[in-house]
N, C-alpha and C. Protein backbone atom coordinates (compact mmCIF):
# COMPACT_ATOMS: atom_id res chain seq x y z
N MET A 1 147.26 148.77 74.63
CA MET A 1 146.22 148.43 73.68
C MET A 1 145.04 147.81 74.40
N PHE A 2 145.27 146.92 75.38
CA PHE A 2 144.18 146.23 76.02
C PHE A 2 143.91 146.72 77.44
N SER A 3 144.60 147.72 77.89
CA SER A 3 144.59 148.07 79.31
C SER A 3 143.42 148.93 79.75
N GLY A 4 142.24 148.68 79.25
CA GLY A 4 141.07 149.40 79.72
C GLY A 4 140.80 150.69 78.96
N CYS A 5 141.69 151.12 78.12
CA CYS A 5 141.47 152.31 77.31
C CYS A 5 140.69 151.90 76.07
N VAL A 6 139.52 152.44 75.92
CA VAL A 6 138.68 152.09 74.79
C VAL A 6 138.95 153.08 73.66
N LEU A 7 139.47 152.57 72.57
CA LEU A 7 139.68 153.40 71.39
C LEU A 7 138.48 153.29 70.47
N ASN A 8 138.07 154.40 69.93
CA ASN A 8 137.02 154.41 68.92
C ASN A 8 137.70 154.52 67.56
N TYR A 9 137.14 153.84 66.58
CA TYR A 9 137.75 153.78 65.26
C TYR A 9 136.81 154.28 64.19
N LYS A 10 137.42 154.70 63.08
CA LYS A 10 136.65 155.01 61.88
C LYS A 10 137.24 154.19 60.73
N ASP A 11 136.39 153.83 59.79
CA ASP A 11 136.81 153.08 58.62
C ASP A 11 137.51 154.04 57.67
N VAL A 12 138.77 153.76 57.34
CA VAL A 12 139.54 154.61 56.43
C VAL A 12 139.93 153.85 55.16
N SER A 13 139.25 152.73 54.91
CA SER A 13 139.57 151.89 53.76
C SER A 13 139.51 152.64 52.44
N HIS A 14 138.63 153.62 52.35
CA HIS A 14 138.42 154.37 51.12
C HIS A 14 139.44 155.50 50.92
N GLU A 15 140.22 155.80 51.95
CA GLU A 15 141.20 156.88 51.82
C GLU A 15 142.38 156.42 50.97
N PHE A 16 142.92 157.35 50.19
CA PHE A 16 143.93 157.04 49.18
C PHE A 16 145.09 156.21 49.71
N GLU A 17 145.61 156.58 50.88
CA GLU A 17 146.79 155.87 51.40
C GLU A 17 146.51 154.44 51.81
N TYR A 18 145.22 154.05 51.91
CA TYR A 18 144.88 152.70 52.38
C TYR A 18 144.16 151.84 51.34
N THR A 19 143.67 152.41 50.26
CA THR A 19 142.87 151.63 49.32
C THR A 19 143.62 150.43 48.74
N SER A 20 144.91 150.54 48.56
CA SER A 20 145.66 149.43 47.97
C SER A 20 145.77 148.23 48.91
N PHE A 21 145.50 148.42 50.19
CA PHE A 21 145.57 147.31 51.15
C PHE A 21 144.34 146.41 51.10
N VAL A 22 143.18 146.99 50.81
CA VAL A 22 141.93 146.24 50.85
C VAL A 22 141.95 145.14 49.79
N LYS A 23 141.61 143.93 50.21
CA LYS A 23 141.61 142.71 49.39
C LYS A 23 143.02 142.18 49.12
N SER A 24 144.03 142.74 49.80
CA SER A 24 145.39 142.21 49.68
C SER A 24 145.54 141.01 50.60
N ARG A 25 146.41 140.11 50.19
CA ARG A 25 146.66 138.90 50.98
C ARG A 25 148.12 138.89 51.43
N TYR A 26 148.31 138.37 52.63
CA TYR A 26 149.64 138.27 53.23
C TYR A 26 149.80 136.87 53.81
N VAL A 27 151.00 136.36 53.77
CA VAL A 27 151.29 135.07 54.40
C VAL A 27 152.15 135.33 55.63
N VAL A 28 151.80 134.68 56.72
CA VAL A 28 152.53 134.80 57.98
C VAL A 28 153.89 134.12 57.84
N ARG A 29 154.95 134.83 58.23
CA ARG A 29 156.31 134.29 58.13
C ARG A 29 156.86 133.80 59.46
N THR A 30 156.36 134.35 60.57
CA THR A 30 156.80 133.95 61.91
C THR A 30 155.56 133.60 62.72
N GLU A 31 155.75 132.86 63.80
CA GLU A 31 154.61 132.56 64.66
C GLU A 31 154.00 133.86 65.17
N MET A 32 152.67 133.89 65.18
CA MET A 32 151.94 135.08 65.64
C MET A 32 150.87 134.62 66.64
N TYR A 33 150.75 135.37 67.73
CA TYR A 33 149.64 135.13 68.66
C TYR A 33 148.36 135.66 68.05
N ILE A 34 147.26 134.98 68.36
CA ILE A 34 145.94 135.54 68.09
C ILE A 34 145.15 135.41 69.39
N TRP A 35 144.78 136.56 69.93
CA TRP A 35 144.09 136.61 71.22
C TRP A 35 142.62 136.96 71.01
N GLY A 36 141.76 136.28 71.77
CA GLY A 36 140.36 136.66 71.84
C GLY A 36 140.18 137.64 72.98
N VAL A 37 139.63 138.81 72.67
CA VAL A 37 139.56 139.90 73.65
C VAL A 37 138.11 140.26 73.95
N ASN A 38 137.81 140.39 75.24
CA ASN A 38 136.53 140.92 75.68
C ASN A 38 136.77 142.40 75.99
N ALA A 39 136.18 143.27 75.20
CA ALA A 39 136.43 144.71 75.31
C ALA A 39 135.73 145.31 76.53
N PRO A 40 136.36 146.33 77.14
CA PRO A 40 135.72 147.05 78.23
C PRO A 40 134.39 147.63 77.76
N PRO A 41 133.46 147.80 78.65
CA PRO A 41 133.60 147.79 80.10
C PRO A 41 133.42 146.42 80.73
N GLY A 42 133.28 145.40 79.96
CA GLY A 42 132.82 144.09 80.34
C GLY A 42 133.57 143.18 81.26
N TYR A 43 134.57 142.51 80.79
CA TYR A 43 135.14 141.34 81.44
C TYR A 43 134.10 140.24 81.50
N GLY A 44 133.44 140.04 80.36
CA GLY A 44 132.46 138.98 80.23
C GLY A 44 133.08 137.77 79.55
N ASN A 45 132.23 136.91 79.05
CA ASN A 45 132.68 135.67 78.43
C ASN A 45 132.56 135.66 76.92
N VAL A 46 132.30 136.81 76.33
CA VAL A 46 132.14 136.90 74.88
C VAL A 46 133.36 137.59 74.27
N ILE A 47 133.90 137.00 73.22
CA ILE A 47 135.02 137.62 72.53
C ILE A 47 134.46 138.70 71.60
N ASP A 48 134.90 139.95 71.83
CA ASP A 48 134.44 141.08 71.02
C ASP A 48 135.30 141.24 69.76
N TYR A 49 136.58 140.92 69.87
CA TYR A 49 137.46 140.95 68.70
C TYR A 49 138.68 140.10 68.98
N TYR A 50 139.37 139.74 67.92
CA TYR A 50 140.64 139.02 68.02
C TYR A 50 141.75 139.97 67.61
N SER A 51 142.90 139.81 68.20
CA SER A 51 144.05 140.64 67.88
C SER A 51 145.25 139.74 67.58
N ILE A 52 145.97 140.07 66.50
CA ILE A 52 147.14 139.30 66.07
C ILE A 52 148.39 140.12 66.36
N SER A 53 149.41 139.44 66.91
CA SER A 53 150.67 140.11 67.24
C SER A 53 151.81 139.10 67.16
N PRO A 54 153.00 139.52 66.75
CA PRO A 54 154.14 138.60 66.69
C PRO A 54 154.48 138.00 68.06
N VAL A 55 154.79 136.72 68.08
CA VAL A 55 155.15 136.03 69.32
C VAL A 55 156.35 136.70 69.98
N GLU A 56 157.28 137.19 69.19
CA GLU A 56 158.50 137.78 69.76
C GLU A 56 158.22 139.01 70.63
N LEU A 57 157.05 139.62 70.48
CA LEU A 57 156.70 140.78 71.31
C LEU A 57 156.22 140.37 72.70
N GLY A 58 156.00 139.09 72.91
CA GLY A 58 155.61 138.60 74.23
C GLY A 58 154.12 138.40 74.36
N ARG A 59 153.76 137.78 75.46
CA ARG A 59 152.36 137.46 75.74
C ARG A 59 151.65 138.65 76.38
N ILE A 60 150.36 138.69 76.18
CA ILE A 60 149.51 139.68 76.83
C ILE A 60 148.65 138.93 77.83
N THR A 61 148.53 139.46 79.02
CA THR A 61 147.69 138.83 80.03
C THR A 61 146.70 139.85 80.57
N GLY A 62 145.69 139.36 81.21
CA GLY A 62 144.68 140.21 81.82
C GLY A 62 143.31 139.56 81.69
N ARG A 63 142.37 140.09 82.45
CA ARG A 63 141.02 139.52 82.46
C ARG A 63 140.32 139.64 81.11
N GLU A 64 140.76 140.60 80.28
CA GLU A 64 140.10 140.79 79.00
C GLU A 64 140.53 139.77 77.94
N ILE A 65 141.61 139.04 78.19
CA ILE A 65 142.09 138.03 77.24
C ILE A 65 141.38 136.71 77.55
N LEU A 66 140.52 136.28 76.62
CA LEU A 66 139.72 135.08 76.84
C LEU A 66 140.28 133.86 76.12
N SER A 67 141.10 134.07 75.11
CA SER A 67 141.68 132.93 74.41
C SER A 67 143.03 133.32 73.83
N GLU A 68 143.83 132.31 73.59
CA GLU A 68 145.15 132.53 73.01
C GLU A 68 145.48 131.33 72.13
N SER A 69 145.86 131.62 70.89
CA SER A 69 146.28 130.58 69.96
C SER A 69 147.50 131.10 69.21
N ILE A 70 148.13 130.21 68.46
CA ILE A 70 149.29 130.59 67.65
C ILE A 70 148.93 130.38 66.18
N LEU A 71 149.16 131.42 65.37
CA LEU A 71 149.06 131.28 63.92
C LEU A 71 150.44 130.85 63.44
N GLN A 72 150.50 129.79 62.69
CA GLN A 72 151.76 129.23 62.22
C GLN A 72 152.20 129.91 60.92
N PRO A 73 153.51 129.91 60.65
CA PRO A 73 153.99 130.38 59.34
C PRO A 73 153.24 129.65 58.23
N GLY A 74 152.88 130.39 57.20
CA GLY A 74 152.10 129.84 56.10
C GLY A 74 150.63 130.21 56.16
N THR A 75 150.17 130.67 57.32
CA THR A 75 148.78 131.12 57.46
C THR A 75 148.57 132.34 56.58
N VAL A 76 147.43 132.39 55.88
CA VAL A 76 147.15 133.50 54.97
C VAL A 76 146.12 134.44 55.60
N LEU A 77 146.42 135.75 55.52
CA LEU A 77 145.54 136.81 55.99
C LEU A 77 145.05 137.59 54.78
N GLU A 78 143.76 137.90 54.74
CA GLU A 78 143.21 138.74 53.66
C GLU A 78 142.57 139.97 54.29
N ILE A 79 143.02 141.14 53.88
CA ILE A 79 142.52 142.39 54.46
C ILE A 79 141.13 142.70 53.92
N GLN A 80 140.22 142.97 54.85
CA GLN A 80 138.85 143.34 54.52
C GLN A 80 138.63 144.85 54.58
N LYS A 81 139.24 145.49 55.58
CA LYS A 81 139.14 146.94 55.69
C LYS A 81 140.26 147.45 56.59
N ILE A 82 140.43 148.77 56.58
CA ILE A 82 141.43 149.44 57.42
C ILE A 82 140.69 150.40 58.35
N LYS A 83 141.09 150.41 59.61
CA LYS A 83 140.47 151.32 60.58
C LYS A 83 141.55 152.11 61.28
N GLU A 84 141.17 153.33 61.71
CA GLU A 84 142.10 154.24 62.38
C GLU A 84 141.45 154.75 63.66
N SER A 85 142.26 154.83 64.72
CA SER A 85 141.74 155.32 66.00
C SER A 85 141.40 156.81 65.89
N MET A 86 140.33 157.19 66.58
CA MET A 86 139.90 158.59 66.56
C MET A 86 140.21 159.30 67.87
N ASN A 87 140.30 158.58 68.97
CA ASN A 87 140.49 159.20 70.28
C ASN A 87 141.79 158.74 70.93
N HIS A 88 142.84 158.68 70.14
CA HIS A 88 144.14 158.23 70.64
C HIS A 88 144.88 159.37 71.35
N LEU A 89 145.89 158.98 72.09
CA LEU A 89 146.74 159.97 72.75
C LEU A 89 147.55 160.71 71.69
N PRO A 90 147.93 161.95 71.96
CA PRO A 90 148.75 162.69 70.99
C PRO A 90 150.01 161.90 70.63
N GLY A 91 150.27 161.80 69.35
CA GLY A 91 151.44 161.07 68.87
C GLY A 91 151.26 159.57 68.76
N TYR A 92 150.08 159.06 69.12
CA TYR A 92 149.84 157.63 69.06
C TYR A 92 148.59 157.37 68.23
N ARG A 93 148.78 157.26 66.96
CA ARG A 93 147.66 156.96 66.05
C ARG A 93 147.72 155.46 65.77
N ARG A 94 146.66 154.75 66.04
CA ARG A 94 146.61 153.31 65.79
C ARG A 94 145.84 153.05 64.51
N VAL A 95 146.51 152.37 63.59
CA VAL A 95 145.88 151.96 62.34
C VAL A 95 145.96 150.43 62.29
N ALA A 96 144.83 149.80 62.07
CA ALA A 96 144.77 148.34 62.06
C ALA A 96 143.97 147.86 60.86
N ALA A 97 144.30 146.66 60.43
CA ALA A 97 143.56 146.01 59.36
C ALA A 97 142.63 144.98 59.98
N ILE A 98 141.43 144.89 59.44
CA ILE A 98 140.50 143.81 59.78
C ILE A 98 140.71 142.75 58.72
N VAL A 99 141.00 141.52 59.15
CA VAL A 99 141.40 140.48 58.22
C VAL A 99 140.56 139.22 58.38
N LEU A 100 140.55 138.43 57.31
CA LEU A 100 140.10 137.05 57.37
C LEU A 100 141.35 136.20 57.52
N VAL A 101 141.26 135.14 58.31
CA VAL A 101 142.40 134.23 58.52
C VAL A 101 141.99 132.87 58.00
N ASP A 102 142.78 132.33 57.07
CA ASP A 102 142.37 131.12 56.35
C ASP A 102 142.21 129.87 57.19
N SER A 103 142.92 129.76 58.29
CA SER A 103 142.88 128.50 59.05
C SER A 103 142.47 128.70 60.50
N PHE A 104 141.66 129.71 60.76
CA PHE A 104 141.30 130.03 62.13
C PHE A 104 139.80 129.87 62.32
N ASP A 105 139.41 129.13 63.35
CA ASP A 105 138.01 128.94 63.67
C ASP A 105 137.52 130.12 64.50
N ASN A 106 136.85 131.06 63.83
CA ASN A 106 136.35 132.27 64.48
C ASN A 106 134.98 131.96 65.06
N GLN A 107 134.96 131.27 66.19
CA GLN A 107 133.72 130.77 66.77
C GLN A 107 132.76 131.87 67.21
N PHE A 108 133.25 133.08 67.46
CA PHE A 108 132.38 134.17 67.89
C PHE A 108 132.03 135.10 66.74
N ASP A 109 132.52 134.80 65.53
CA ASP A 109 132.30 135.64 64.36
C ASP A 109 132.67 137.10 64.68
N ALA A 110 133.78 137.24 65.39
CA ALA A 110 134.27 138.55 65.82
C ALA A 110 135.31 139.06 64.83
N PRO A 111 135.45 140.38 64.70
CA PRO A 111 136.49 140.90 63.81
C PRO A 111 137.88 140.49 64.28
N ILE A 112 138.78 140.28 63.33
CA ILE A 112 140.16 139.93 63.62
C ILE A 112 141.02 141.08 63.13
N GLU A 113 141.84 141.64 64.02
CA GLU A 113 142.64 142.80 63.65
C GLU A 113 144.12 142.54 63.81
N ILE A 114 144.89 143.24 63.00
CA ILE A 114 146.34 143.24 63.11
C ILE A 114 146.81 144.66 62.82
N SER A 115 147.77 145.12 63.58
CA SER A 115 148.31 146.46 63.39
C SER A 115 148.91 146.58 61.99
N LEU A 116 148.68 147.70 61.36
CA LEU A 116 149.26 147.93 60.04
C LEU A 116 150.78 147.89 60.12
N GLU A 117 151.32 148.27 61.25
CA GLU A 117 152.77 148.21 61.47
C GLU A 117 153.29 146.78 61.26
N HIS A 118 152.56 145.79 61.77
CA HIS A 118 152.99 144.40 61.60
C HIS A 118 152.86 143.93 60.16
N LEU A 119 151.83 144.42 59.47
CA LEU A 119 151.66 144.04 58.06
C LEU A 119 152.76 144.62 57.18
N LEU A 120 153.23 145.80 57.53
CA LEU A 120 154.26 146.45 56.73
C LEU A 120 155.66 145.91 57.04
N SER A 121 155.79 145.15 58.12
CA SER A 121 157.07 144.57 58.49
C SER A 121 157.28 143.28 57.71
N THR A 122 158.22 143.26 56.80
CA THR A 122 158.46 142.05 56.03
C THR A 122 159.05 140.93 56.89
N LYS A 123 159.38 141.25 58.13
CA LYS A 123 159.89 140.24 59.05
C LYS A 123 158.79 139.26 59.46
N HIS A 124 157.56 139.74 59.61
CA HIS A 124 156.47 138.93 60.15
C HIS A 124 155.51 138.40 59.10
N VAL A 125 155.32 139.13 58.02
CA VAL A 125 154.40 138.71 56.96
C VAL A 125 155.01 139.05 55.60
N LYS A 126 154.51 138.39 54.59
CA LYS A 126 154.95 138.65 53.23
C LYS A 126 153.72 138.89 52.37
N ALA A 127 153.74 139.95 51.58
CA ALA A 127 152.62 140.28 50.70
C ALA A 127 152.50 139.25 49.59
N LEU A 128 151.27 138.82 49.33
CA LEU A 128 151.00 137.88 48.25
C LEU A 128 150.31 138.55 47.06
N GLY A 129 149.80 139.75 47.26
CA GLY A 129 149.08 140.45 46.20
C GLY A 129 147.60 140.57 46.53
N ARG A 130 146.87 141.13 45.58
CA ARG A 130 145.44 141.37 45.78
C ARG A 130 144.62 140.21 45.27
N VAL A 131 143.47 140.01 45.90
CA VAL A 131 142.52 139.00 45.46
C VAL A 131 141.85 139.53 44.21
N SER A 132 141.79 138.73 43.18
CA SER A 132 141.15 139.13 41.93
C SER A 132 139.65 139.15 42.10
N THR A 133 139.02 140.21 41.61
CA THR A 133 137.56 140.29 41.65
C THR A 133 136.98 140.07 40.27
N ASP A 134 137.84 139.68 39.30
CA ASP A 134 137.36 139.39 37.95
C ASP A 134 136.56 138.10 37.96
N ILE A 135 135.52 138.08 37.12
CA ILE A 135 134.68 136.89 37.02
C ILE A 135 135.00 136.16 35.73
């Protein structure tokens, strides 16, 4: 995911299989890493995006990782949109959610992503339902 391969994404939030995710909220059930990533070609000092992953999957290291924090159980994630990779390797389609995190100081105002695979795993997060847009 971070090894110098730049994936391009398209917004698929409007597609039928993903519309129910947008504005849904999830609560973190296990500790999750949140990494600040400087995307290639750079290795600069600016975080281009944050990535969330379960602690049990291990740490990620490399020059592109600029920060590392832990999201504690009870942290709430709200899905803003869903994106899908366009230039992935055959058999490897990456689908990720862009989320707001209730207790995270996003000092670079960078997008925060989590793999849809992790959201669908009831081991790591629990669905809370959709945010009401009624006034």
